[in-house]
Protein backbone atom coordinates (compact mmCIF):
# COMPACT_ATOMS: atom_id res chain seq x y z
CA MET A 1 63.93 -0.86 -14.33
CA THR A 2 65.70 -1.11 -10.61
CA ASP A 3 63.76 -1.16 -7.86
CA PHE A 4 64.36 0.94 -5.34
CA GLN A 5 63.41 0.99 -1.77
CA THR A 6 61.70 4.24 -0.61
CA PRO A 7 64.92 6.04 1.51
CA THR A 8 63.96 6.54 4.90
CA THR A 9 65.89 9.50 5.75
CA LYS A 10 66.95 12.55 3.91
CA ALA A 11 70.42 11.31 4.13
CA GLU A 12 69.43 7.98 2.20
CA LEU A 13 67.61 10.30 -0.24
CA LEU A 14 70.42 12.68 -1.09
CA HIS A 15 73.07 9.70 -1.52
CA ASN A 16 70.51 7.89 -3.63
CA LEU A 17 69.76 11.14 -5.42
CA GLU A 18 73.46 11.45 -6.57
CA GLN A 19 74.58 8.08 -6.63
CA GLU A 20 71.98 7.54 -9.43
CA TRP A 21 72.74 10.79 -11.09
CA ALA A 22 76.14 10.14 -11.21
CA ASP A 23 75.62 6.36 -13.04
CA PHE A 24 72.89 8.23 -15.25
CA HIS A 25 74.86 11.13 -16.28
CA ALA A 26 78.23 9.19 -17.08
CA TYR A 27 75.55 6.88 -18.96
CA ILE A 28 74.45 10.23 -20.71
CA ARG A 29 78.30 11.37 -21.39
CA SER A 30 79.12 8.20 -23.00
CA LEU A 31 76.37 8.91 -26.08
CA THR A 32 77.89 10.76 -28.85
CA PRO A 33 75.67 14.15 -30.04
CA GLU A 34 74.74 12.33 -33.31
CA GLN A 35 72.92 9.21 -30.62
CA LEU A 36 71.11 11.67 -28.46
CA THR A 37 69.78 13.70 -31.46
CA GLN A 38 69.55 11.88 -34.40
CA PRO A 39 67.88 8.28 -34.01
CA ARG A 40 64.31 8.53 -33.04
CA ASP A 41 61.75 5.56 -31.68
CA ALA A 42 58.45 4.90 -33.45
CA ALA A 43 56.66 7.70 -31.38
CA GLY A 44 59.58 10.00 -32.89
CA TRP A 45 61.43 11.11 -29.43
CA SER A 46 64.94 11.26 -29.20
CA ALA A 47 67.10 10.47 -26.80
CA LYS A 48 67.39 14.18 -26.38
CA ASP A 49 63.65 14.18 -25.81
CA HIS A 50 63.83 11.88 -22.72
CA LEU A 51 67.02 14.49 -21.47
CA ILE A 52 64.19 17.16 -21.32
CA HIS A 53 61.27 15.00 -20.44
CA LEU A 54 63.42 14.20 -17.13
CA ALA A 55 64.04 17.74 -16.85
CA LEU A 56 60.56 18.91 -16.87
CA TRP A 57 59.57 16.51 -14.54
CA GLN A 58 61.73 16.96 -11.78
CA ASP A 59 61.28 20.61 -11.80
CA GLY A 60 57.58 20.38 -11.50
CA VAL A 61 58.35 18.59 -8.38
CA SER A 62 60.75 21.32 -7.69
CA ALA A 63 58.11 23.74 -7.96
CA LEU A 64 55.80 22.01 -5.43
CA LEU A 65 58.93 21.57 -2.99
CA GLU A 66 59.90 25.25 -3.12
CA ARG A 67 56.22 26.36 -2.07
CA LYS A 68 56.71 29.75 -3.95
CA GLY A 69 53.30 29.38 -5.68
CA GLU A 70 53.98 28.23 -8.53
CA THR A 71 52.27 25.06 -9.80
CA ARG A 72 53.87 21.84 -11.16
CA ALA A 73 52.23 22.85 -14.44
CA ALA A 74 53.44 26.13 -14.57
CA ALA A 75 57.04 24.68 -13.87
CA MET A 76 57.08 22.32 -16.39
CA GLY A 77 55.41 25.08 -18.85
CA LEU A 78 51.95 23.67 -19.01
CA ASP A 79 48.55 25.82 -19.16
CA ALA A 80 45.82 24.19 -16.59
CA ALA A 81 44.19 22.28 -20.06
CA GLU A 82 47.01 20.81 -20.56
CA TRP A 83 48.01 19.35 -17.72
CA GLY A 84 44.69 18.02 -16.99
CA ARG A 85 45.25 15.47 -19.88
CA GLU A 86 45.94 11.80 -19.72
CA MET A 87 49.74 11.31 -18.59
CA ASP A 88 50.94 10.17 -22.22
CA GLU A 89 49.47 13.36 -23.79
CA VAL A 90 50.94 15.24 -21.77
CA ASN A 91 54.39 14.20 -22.23
CA ALA A 92 53.60 14.31 -26.12
CA ILE A 93 52.89 18.26 -25.45
CA MET A 94 55.90 18.51 -23.68
CA GLN A 95 58.18 16.63 -26.56
CA ARG A 96 56.64 18.83 -29.20
CA MET A 97 57.00 21.96 -27.11
CA HIS A 98 61.00 20.95 -26.62
CA ARG A 99 61.87 18.94 -29.92
CA ASP A 100 63.78 21.79 -31.30
CA LEU A 101 65.60 22.49 -28.20
CA PRO A 102 69.58 22.42 -28.71
CA LEU A 103 71.07 19.74 -27.45
CA ASP A 104 73.53 21.48 -24.95
CA ASP A 105 70.38 23.31 -23.83
CA ALA A 106 68.83 20.18 -22.84
CA LEU A 107 71.63 18.69 -21.00
CA ALA A 108 72.12 21.99 -19.49
CA ARG A 109 68.45 22.05 -18.26
CA LEU A 110 68.55 18.51 -17.01
CA GLN A 111 71.83 19.69 -15.04
CA GLY A 112 70.38 22.66 -13.50
CA ALA A 113 67.33 20.15 -12.41
CA HIS A 114 69.05 17.89 -11.12
CA GLU A 115 71.34 20.72 -8.93
CA ARG A 116 67.87 22.52 -8.13
CA MET A 117 66.33 19.10 -6.65
CA HIS A 118 69.54 18.62 -4.85
CA ARG A 119 69.88 22.34 -3.32
CA ILE A 120 66.14 22.35 -2.08
CA ILE A 121 66.26 18.87 -0.52
CA THR A 122 69.17 19.84 1.28
CA ALA A 123 67.20 22.81 2.57
CA LEU A 124 63.96 21.04 3.45
CA PRO A 125 63.78 19.77 7.02
CA GLU A 126 63.25 16.02 7.05
CA ALA A 127 59.99 15.80 8.41
CA ALA A 128 59.12 17.90 5.08
CA LEU A 129 59.57 14.72 3.20
CA PHE A 130 57.07 12.93 4.84
CA LEU A 131 54.33 15.28 4.29
CA PRO A 132 51.54 14.02 2.29
CA TYR A 133 51.70 15.14 -1.29
CA THR A 134 48.40 17.56 -0.62
CA ASP A 135 50.59 19.27 1.93
CA TYR A 136 52.36 20.84 -1.45
CA ASP A 137 49.07 20.83 -4.08
CA PRO A 138 45.70 21.19 -2.07
CA SER A 139 44.16 20.68 -5.48
CA MET A 140 45.25 17.00 -5.62
CA PRO A 141 43.97 14.82 -2.31
CA ARG A 142 46.85 12.50 -2.31
CA ASP A 143 48.05 10.75 1.03
CA ASN A 144 51.44 9.65 -0.04
CA PRO A 145 54.26 11.49 1.09
CA ILE A 146 55.83 13.78 -1.06
CA LEU A 147 59.29 11.85 -0.85
CA ASP A 148 57.33 9.39 -3.50
CA TRP A 149 57.47 12.04 -6.35
CA ILE A 150 61.08 13.04 -5.29
CA VAL A 151 62.09 9.63 -6.05
CA GLY A 152 59.62 8.80 -9.09
CA ASP A 153 60.47 12.31 -10.57
CA SER A 154 64.58 11.75 -10.07
CA TYR A 155 66.70 8.91 -9.78
CA GLU A 156 63.68 6.58 -10.30
CA HIS A 157 62.69 8.62 -13.66
CA TYR A 158 66.57 8.04 -14.80
CA ALA A 159 66.22 4.48 -14.30
CA GLU A 160 62.64 4.06 -15.86
CA HIS A 161 63.85 5.91 -19.18
CA ARG A 162 67.68 4.47 -19.11
CA PRO A 163 66.20 1.30 -21.15
CA TRP A 164 64.18 3.52 -23.45
CA ILE A 165 67.46 6.09 -24.49
CA ALA A 166 69.69 2.63 -25.11
CA ALA A 167 66.93 1.50 -27.33
CA ILE A 168 66.77 4.59 -29.51
CA VAL A 169 70.51 4.87 -29.68
CA GLY A 170 70.97 0.87 -30.55
CA GLN A 171 72.41 0.10 -27.62
CA GLY A 172 69.12 -1.82 -25.94
């Protein structure tokens, strides 16, 4: 996994987001539909499952950033009980919910999640990126800036999942 430096400006964040998206998207486009949908890992995940996972987590942060009253859980299609489980359980629930999603829909959802996040970040005042998480979700007393979640659930997340996808498709 790539070690990313935390961006210090909105321009740097947007640059990193676009550069890492371009690299990840090019990698995904290099794979065949069969590679993306057929092989599965020991937990039953396909590469497509990883793509929808990435889209859902990115959409969760976008919901916080938009401040429209939608919780991260709701944006990710989860209820409060599901959201309150251990992270691996949450991910398994989302994988089961979306495993039958057609590949084209999963790819479109990932593209849309990226575009939505880019649009939201572009519209935010730079200072908003450095507000604590709890300013966006008062139910979660976390002092780290929301920027940490933006990076962690977007381009850092792409880098985290790429080797797992490569292993599934026989490139790792």
